[in-house]
Amino acid sequence: MKKILVCANSLCIGGIEKSLINLLKSIDYKKYNVDLILESISGELIKEVPPNINILEYKPYKLKNKVLQKTLNFLKQLKYKILLKNKYDCSICYATYSYSSNLLSRIASKNNILFVHSDYTLIYNEQELKQFFDTRNINEFKKIVFVSNESKNNLIKYYPNIVNNSIVINNIIDINDIKEKSKEKIKLPYNKNNINLLFVGRLEEKSKNILFQLEMIKELKNKFKNIKLYIIGDGIDKETYIKYIKDNKLNNYIELLGKKTNPYPYIKHCDYLILTSNYEGYPVIFNESIVLNSDIISTIKISDDLTCIGDNFGFLINKKTFIKEISNILENKTHNTNKLNIEKINQERIEKIERLFDGE
């Protein structure tokens, strides 16, 4: 039985964390023995980790005395270099940004894999991008897994030497879990006579660009009196959105629902999901929407190994002509939910992951 190590940060609710849980649930534990190392054994999703997995913690020291902190972290790293040296058949750094995950996954196996969940070329300028990936030792990984073609192709422009080591594999989807949870009987806020729009995600302006949606509602409400935007999530910019809604008297058109451990009934029954992010890898919400046959309206082009938003599913809209295009969709009640064989797509992704585990 092959030994696999997966390294990540924590298991608080988030897209990366949810996709990690789905990956762990999909592993064939008759073939693989899996250890999971987290910087912090915390988060709402801890309870969803399969019982077969051994969870360990590697928490870096954070002290006021920086000299002491650096010394203790060096000694800790030295200890783990001895304990983990090539102990595993495959090791995965699942949290791209995590220094600890990066270090441990490189030590634990020669068959080491770095997951890249976002398009970092849209986050950083060239100097910042180089610093980010150089300090995360991108050239030392045997394989680099991207969740979208866009993030892979854009990063290869800066690191052409990784082209032969790079592969696109979208997130594994827990299809049965999504379908079952979408059946949960909850009191939905939707009025069937309204146009019910939904955003699900982190309330953080730099990446998610939620003010764009609020401005959209401010402009569309004069034409569509029955339009309503619901927002599920929490984050650092929540108060900014509350203030904007209040200052522009949009309380009747926008409602913040807070964080939901089960957003699937909301996704299943809304008219359209809205995504206006400045950058993404491949949003987990897209996969969930495909399972539930929910329409997506997105301002970012996303394609992966097997699906493409705006082509075989959902709508891709230009930000410059957003109001005109979304007005046409809402006015004509247009839908683009082509039926995809999501079970087959998911199985193909699992098979790709297993080939990585086996060092192919």
Protein backbone atom coordinates (compact mmCIF):
# COMPACT_ATOMS: atom_id res chain seq x y z
CA MET A 1 0.00 0.00 0.00
CA LYS A 2 1.46 3.35 -1.08
CA LYS A 3 1.92 6.12 1.47
CA ILE A 4 0.63 9.60 0.63
CA LEU A 5 1.23 12.85 2.53
CA VAL A 6 -1.05 15.87 2.02
CA CYS A 7 -0.03 19.22 3.53
CA ALA A 8 -2.37 22.17 4.01
CA ASN A 9 -3.14 25.11 6.30
CA SER A 10 -6.41 24.45 8.13
CA LEU A 11 -9.92 23.25 7.34
CA CYS A 12 -11.97 26.40 7.84
CA ILE A 13 -14.81 26.85 5.33
CA GLY A 14 -13.39 27.94 1.98
CA GLY A 15 -13.12 26.83 -1.64
CA ILE A 16 -9.63 25.32 -1.33
CA GLU A 17 -10.50 23.59 1.93
CA LYS A 18 -13.73 22.16 0.53
CA SER A 19 -11.95 20.88 -2.58
CA LEU A 20 -9.33 19.24 -0.32
CA ILE A 21 -12.07 17.43 1.62
CA ASN A 22 -13.56 16.20 -1.66
CA LEU A 23 -10.14 14.94 -2.77
CA LEU A 24 -9.62 13.08 0.52
CA LYS A 25 -13.07 11.49 0.24
CA SER A 26 -12.35 10.25 -3.28
CA ILE A 27 -9.15 8.35 -2.41
CA ASP A 28 -9.22 4.57 -2.59
CA TYR A 29 -7.99 3.60 0.89
CA LYS A 30 -7.46 0.01 -0.18
CA LYS A 31 -4.65 1.29 -2.36
CA TYR A 32 -3.34 4.29 -0.43
CA ASN A 33 -2.45 5.12 3.17
CA VAL A 34 -2.84 8.88 3.76
CA ASP A 35 -1.46 11.28 6.37
CA LEU A 36 -2.69 14.88 6.52
CA ILE A 37 -0.48 17.56 8.08
CA LEU A 38 -2.11 20.91 8.90
CA GLU A 39 -0.58 24.10 10.27
CA SER A 40 -3.60 24.22 12.54
CA ILE A 41 -6.00 21.37 13.28
CA SER A 42 -9.00 23.65 13.18
CA GLY A 43 -12.02 24.58 11.10
CA GLU A 44 -15.60 23.55 10.46
CA LEU A 45 -14.55 20.96 7.88
CA ILE A 46 -12.36 18.90 10.25
CA LYS A 47 -15.33 16.66 11.00
CA GLU A 48 -15.58 15.76 7.30
CA VAL A 49 -12.08 14.27 7.07
CA PRO A 50 -12.43 10.52 6.35
CA PRO A 51 -11.68 8.34 9.41
CA ASN A 52 -8.96 6.48 7.48
CA ILE A 53 -6.72 9.56 7.58
CA ASN A 54 -4.16 10.28 10.27
CA ILE A 55 -4.18 14.05 11.04
CA LEU A 56 -0.97 15.66 12.32
CA GLU A 57 -0.11 19.27 13.14
CA TYR A 58 2.93 21.32 12.16
CA LYS A 59 2.46 24.74 13.73
CA PRO A 60 5.32 27.23 13.16
CA TYR A 61 6.36 29.26 16.18
CA LYS A 62 5.11 32.87 16.26
CA LEU A 63 6.86 34.83 18.98
CA LYS A 64 7.57 38.47 19.81
CA ASN A 65 11.24 37.62 20.11
CA LYS A 66 12.06 37.15 16.42
CA VAL A 67 15.53 35.73 17.04
CA LEU A 68 14.09 33.04 19.30
CA GLN A 69 11.26 32.41 16.82
CA LYS A 70 13.71 31.93 13.96
CA THR A 71 15.90 29.59 16.04
CA LEU A 72 13.01 27.42 17.22
CA ASN A 73 11.52 27.17 13.70
CA PHE A 74 14.93 26.19 12.32
CA LEU A 75 15.24 23.40 14.91
CA LYS A 76 11.70 22.24 14.16
CA GLN A 77 12.44 22.13 10.44
CA LEU A 78 15.60 20.17 11.11
CA LYS A 79 13.63 17.64 13.18
CA TYR A 80 11.08 17.12 10.41
CA LYS A 81 13.76 16.85 7.76
CA ILE A 82 15.05 13.83 9.67
CA LEU A 83 11.59 12.38 10.45
CA LEU A 84 10.03 12.78 6.99
CA LYS A 85 12.98 12.40 4.62
CA ASN A 86 11.56 10.43 1.64
CA LYS A 87 9.16 8.63 3.98
CA TYR A 88 6.27 8.78 1.48
CA ASP A 89 5.62 7.57 -2.06
CA CYS A 90 3.93 10.86 -2.89
CA SER A 91 3.68 14.20 -1.05
CA ILE A 92 1.38 17.10 -1.87
CA CYS A 93 1.53 20.79 -1.04
CA TYR A 94 -2.18 21.56 -1.33
CA ALA A 95 -2.06 25.12 0.06
CA THR A 96 -0.01 27.02 -2.52
CA TYR A 97 0.77 29.92 -0.18
CA SER A 98 1.79 27.85 2.88
CA TYR A 99 5.55 27.80 3.58
CA SER A 100 5.19 24.88 5.98
CA SER A 101 3.20 22.79 3.51
CA ASN A 102 5.76 23.60 0.84
CA LEU A 103 8.71 22.60 3.02
CA LEU A 104 7.21 19.35 4.32
CA SER A 105 5.99 18.15 0.93
CA ARG A 106 9.42 18.69 -0.62
CA ILE A 107 11.13 16.78 2.20
CA ALA A 108 8.71 13.85 2.39
CA SER A 109 8.97 12.50 -1.16
CA LYS A 110 10.79 12.80 -4.45
CA ASN A 111 7.35 12.45 -6.06
CA ASN A 112 6.24 15.85 -4.74
CA ILE A 113 3.34 17.86 -6.13
CA LEU A 114 2.41 21.54 -5.86
CA PHE A 115 -1.25 22.54 -6.32
CA VAL A 116 -1.92 26.02 -7.74
CA HIS A 117 -5.52 27.07 -7.06
CA SER A 118 -5.53 30.61 -8.44
CA ASP A 119 -4.22 32.66 -11.35
CA TYR A 120 -1.47 34.49 -9.52
CA THR A 121 -0.51 36.48 -12.61
CA LEU A 122 -3.68 38.49 -12.03
CA ILE A 123 -2.84 39.07 -8.37
CA TYR A 124 0.81 40.16 -8.53
CA ASN A 125 3.04 42.19 -10.80
CA GLU A 126 5.98 40.36 -12.38
CA GLN A 127 8.42 41.06 -9.55
CA GLU A 128 5.93 40.00 -6.85
CA LEU A 129 4.97 36.90 -8.84
CA LYS A 130 8.57 35.79 -9.15
CA GLN A 131 9.19 36.38 -5.46
CA PHE A 132 6.06 34.42 -4.52
CA PHE A 133 6.90 31.31 -6.54
CA ASP A 134 10.68 31.46 -6.07
CA THR A 135 10.24 31.48 -2.28
CA ARG A 136 7.88 28.52 -2.70
CA ASN A 137 10.49 26.60 -4.68
CA ILE A 138 8.30 25.93 -7.72
CA ASN A 139 11.22 24.48 -9.66
CA GLU A 140 11.80 21.75 -7.06
CA PHE A 141 8.44 20.04 -7.54
CA LYS A 142 8.10 17.03 -9.79
CA LYS A 143 4.56 18.01 -10.81
CA ILE A 144 2.50 21.19 -10.65
CA VAL A 145 -1.29 20.84 -10.75
CA PHE A 146 -3.43 23.75 -11.94
CA VAL A 147 -7.22 23.87 -11.72
CA SER A 148 -7.67 25.86 -14.93
CA ASN A 149 -6.01 26.24 -18.32
CA GLU A 150 -5.83 30.01 -17.85
CA SER A 151 -3.80 29.86 -14.62
CA LYS A 152 -1.46 27.25 -16.12
CA ASN A 153 -0.86 29.02 -19.41
CA ASN A 154 -0.35 32.42 -17.76
CA LEU A 155 2.20 31.18 -15.21
CA ILE A 156 4.17 29.23 -17.82
CA LYS A 157 4.91 32.57 -19.52
CA TYR A 158 7.03 33.42 -16.46
CA TYR A 159 8.28 29.88 -15.74
CA PRO A 160 8.65 28.21 -19.17
CA ASN A 161 10.81 25.47 -17.62
CA ILE A 162 7.78 23.98 -15.79
CA VAL A 163 5.77 23.35 -18.95
CA ASN A 164 6.52 19.61 -19.07
CA ASN A 165 5.81 19.20 -15.36
CA SER A 166 2.44 20.98 -15.42
CA ILE A 167 -1.01 19.45 -15.66
CA VAL A 168 -4.58 20.74 -15.39
CA ILE A 169 -6.91 18.81 -13.08
CA ASN A 170 -10.00 20.52 -11.77
CA ASN A 171 -11.27 19.93 -8.24
CA ILE A 172 -12.88 16.61 -7.38
CA ILE A 173 -16.63 16.98 -6.81
CA ASP A 174 -18.59 15.20 -4.10
CA ILE A 175 -21.63 14.79 -6.33
CA ASN A 176 -23.79 12.78 -3.93
CA ASP A 177 -23.08 15.13 -1.04
CA ILE A 178 -24.09 18.19 -3.08
CA LYS A 179 -27.30 16.57 -4.34
CA GLU A 180 -28.31 15.29 -0.91
CA LYS A 181 -27.60 18.57 0.89
CA SER A 182 -29.49 20.52 -1.77
CA LYS A 183 -32.63 18.63 -0.69
CA GLU A 184 -32.43 19.94 2.86
CA LYS A 185 -35.68 21.65 3.83
CA ILE A 186 -34.89 25.21 4.82
CA LYS A 187 -36.85 28.42 4.71
CA LEU A 188 -35.56 30.01 1.53
CA PRO A 189 -35.78 33.80 1.26
CA TYR A 190 -36.67 33.71 -2.44
CA ASN A 191 -39.93 35.09 -3.78
CA LYS A 192 -40.84 33.15 -6.93
CA ASN A 193 -42.09 36.35 -8.56
CA ASN A 194 -38.66 37.97 -8.18
CA ILE A 195 -35.47 37.62 -10.19
CA ASN A 196 -33.33 35.92 -7.54
CA LEU A 197 -29.59 36.39 -7.99
CA LEU A 198 -27.04 34.75 -5.69
CA PHE A 199 -23.38 35.24 -4.80
CA VAL A 200 -21.59 32.66 -2.65
CA GLY A 201 -18.05 33.30 -1.46
CA ARG A 202 -15.63 35.22 0.69
CA LEU A 203 -16.59 38.85 1.35
CA GLU A 204 -13.28 40.28 0.22
CA GLU A 205 -13.20 43.09 -2.33
CA LYS A 206 -9.68 42.74 -3.74
CA SER A 207 -10.39 39.36 -5.30
CA LYS A 208 -14.19 38.97 -5.36
CA ASN A 209 -15.09 42.48 -6.62
CA ILE A 210 -18.50 42.41 -4.89
CA LEU A 211 -19.01 46.19 -5.08
CA PHE A 212 -19.40 45.66 -8.82
CA GLN A 213 -22.48 43.52 -8.08
CA LEU A 214 -23.92 46.09 -5.69
CA GLU A 215 -23.46 48.81 -8.31
CA MET A 216 -25.10 46.49 -10.85
CA ILE A 217 -28.20 46.17 -8.65
CA LYS A 218 -28.28 49.94 -8.11
CA GLU A 219 -28.48 50.41 -11.88
CA LEU A 220 -30.74 47.45 -12.74
CA LYS A 221 -33.39 48.07 -10.06
CA ASN A 222 -34.99 50.83 -12.09
CA LYS A 223 -35.61 48.47 -14.99
CA PHE A 224 -36.26 45.30 -12.99
CA LYS A 225 -38.37 46.29 -9.99
CA ASN A 226 -38.42 42.69 -8.77
CA ILE A 227 -34.67 42.04 -8.82
CA LYS A 228 -33.02 40.75 -5.63
CA LEU A 229 -29.40 39.86 -4.89
CA TYR A 230 -28.62 37.47 -2.02
CA ILE A 231 -25.07 37.21 -0.67
CA ILE A 232 -23.83 34.16 1.24
CA GLY A 233 -20.49 34.42 2.99
CA ASP A 234 -18.41 36.38 5.46
CA GLY A 235 -15.15 38.27 5.30
CA ILE A 236 -13.08 41.35 6.00
CA ASP A 237 -15.10 43.72 3.78
CA LYS A 238 -18.57 42.86 5.08
CA GLU A 239 -19.03 46.25 6.77
CA THR A 240 -18.09 48.03 3.53
CA TYR A 241 -20.95 46.29 1.75
CA ILE A 242 -23.42 46.94 4.57
CA LYS A 243 -22.56 50.67 4.40
CA TYR A 244 -22.90 50.79 0.60
CA ILE A 245 -26.30 49.09 0.74
CA LYS A 246 -27.50 51.49 3.43
CA ASP A 247 -26.08 54.66 1.79
CA ASN A 248 -27.69 53.77 -1.56
CA LYS A 249 -30.99 52.62 -0.06
CA LEU A 250 -30.69 49.12 -1.51
CA ASN A 251 -32.01 47.20 1.51
CA ASN A 252 -35.06 46.04 -0.49
CA TYR A 253 -32.85 44.71 -3.28
CA ILE A 254 -29.81 43.18 -1.54
CA GLU A 255 -29.72 40.84 1.44
CA LEU A 256 -26.65 39.50 3.23
CA LEU A 257 -27.44 36.01 4.51
CA GLY A 258 -24.16 35.40 6.35
CA LYS A 259 -22.05 32.25 6.27
CA LYS A 260 -23.90 29.00 5.48
CA THR A 261 -22.48 25.53 6.07
CA ASN A 262 -24.95 24.27 3.46
CA PRO A 263 -25.41 26.75 0.60
CA TYR A 264 -26.72 24.11 -1.83
CA PRO A 265 -30.50 24.68 -1.42
CA TYR A 266 -29.85 28.38 -2.13
CA ILE A 267 -27.80 27.52 -5.23
CA LYS A 268 -30.34 25.00 -6.49
CA HIS A 269 -33.32 27.36 -6.26
CA CYS A 270 -31.85 30.72 -7.32
CA ASP A 271 -32.42 32.00 -10.85
CA TYR A 272 -28.79 32.91 -11.53
CA LEU A 273 -25.45 32.70 -9.73
CA ILE A 274 -23.26 35.78 -10.14
CA LEU A 275 -19.45 35.86 -10.11
CA THR A 276 -17.55 39.10 -10.85
CA SER A 277 -14.13 38.25 -9.41
CA ASN A 278 -10.98 40.04 -10.44
CA TYR A 279 -9.17 36.70 -10.41
CA GLU A 280 -9.90 33.04 -9.68
CA GLY A 281 -8.37 29.64 -10.32
CA TYR A 282 -11.49 27.64 -10.96
CA PRO A 283 -14.20 28.49 -8.40
CA VAL A 284 -15.58 25.51 -6.49
CA ILE A 285 -19.00 27.15 -6.82
CA PHE A 286 -18.89 26.48 -10.57
CA ASN A 287 -18.60 22.74 -10.07
CA GLU A 288 -21.37 22.81 -7.49
CA SER A 289 -23.59 24.76 -9.87
CA ILE A 290 -22.99 22.29 -12.67
CA VAL A 291 -24.10 19.43 -10.41
CA LEU A 292 -27.28 21.33 -9.49
CA ASN A 293 -27.97 22.59 -13.04
CA SER A 294 -27.91 26.21 -11.86
CA ASP A 295 -27.20 29.02 -14.31
CA ILE A 296 -23.93 30.93 -13.84
CA ILE A 297 -23.21 34.48 -14.98
CA SER A 298 -19.48 35.19 -14.82
CA THR A 299 -17.16 38.00 -15.85
CA ILE A 300 -14.08 35.78 -15.91
CA LYS A 301 -13.23 33.19 -18.54
CA ILE A 302 -12.67 29.81 -16.94
CA SER A 303 -11.85 26.53 -18.64
CA ASP A 304 -10.36 23.41 -17.21
CA ASP A 305 -9.61 19.86 -18.27
CA LEU A 306 -13.22 19.06 -19.20
CA THR A 307 -15.58 22.06 -18.88
CA CYS A 308 -15.76 25.67 -19.99
CA ILE A 309 -17.93 28.39 -18.47
CA GLY A 310 -19.64 30.39 -21.16
CA ASP A 311 -19.29 27.58 -23.69
CA ASN A 312 -21.00 24.41 -22.54
CA PHE A 313 -22.29 25.90 -19.29
CA GLY A 314 -23.33 29.34 -18.03
CA PHE A 315 -22.71 32.82 -19.44
CA LEU A 316 -19.48 34.74 -19.89
CA ILE A 317 -20.10 38.49 -19.82
CA ASN A 318 -17.71 41.37 -20.50
CA LYS A 319 -17.44 43.81 -17.58
CA LYS A 320 -17.58 46.80 -19.91
CA THR A 321 -20.92 45.73 -21.38
CA PHE A 322 -22.17 43.90 -18.29
CA ILE A 323 -25.37 45.89 -17.71
CA LYS A 324 -26.53 45.52 -21.30
CA GLU A 325 -25.72 41.80 -21.48
CA ILE A 326 -27.21 40.83 -18.13
CA SER A 327 -30.32 42.88 -18.93
CA ASN A 328 -30.81 40.78 -22.07
CA ILE A 329 -30.40 37.54 -20.11
CA LEU A 330 -32.84 38.60 -17.37
CA GLU A 331 -35.37 40.10 -19.75
CA ASN A 332 -35.50 37.02 -21.97
CA LYS A 333 -35.06 34.56 -19.06
CA THR A 334 -32.24 32.93 -21.01
CA HIS A 335 -30.68 29.71 -19.70
CA ASN A 336 -27.52 27.78 -20.59
CA THR A 337 -27.44 24.67 -18.44
CA ASN A 338 -26.40 22.01 -20.91
CA LYS A 339 -26.44 18.61 -19.28
CA LEU A 340 -22.92 17.37 -18.62
CA ASN A 341 -21.93 13.86 -17.61
CA ILE A 342 -20.53 15.07 -14.32
CA GLU A 343 -20.02 11.53 -12.97
CA LYS A 344 -17.76 10.68 -15.90
CA ILE A 345 -15.90 13.99 -15.59
CA ASN A 346 -15.33 13.38 -11.89
CA GLN A 347 -14.06 9.84 -12.43
CA GLU A 348 -11.57 11.02 -15.03
CA ARG A 349 -10.22 13.57 -12.55
CA ILE A 350 -9.86 10.92 -9.85
CA GLU A 351 -7.94 8.69 -12.28
CA LYS A 352 -5.58 11.57 -13.10
CA ILE A 353 -4.93 12.14 -9.39
CA GLU A 354 -4.18 8.44 -8.87
CA ARG A 355 -1.66 8.50 -11.72
CA LEU A 356 0.09 11.35 -9.89
CA PHE A 357 0.10 9.34 -6.66
CA ASP A 358 1.74 6.49 -8.58
CA GLY A 359 4.43 8.79 -9.96
CA GLU A 360 3.36 8.64 -13.61
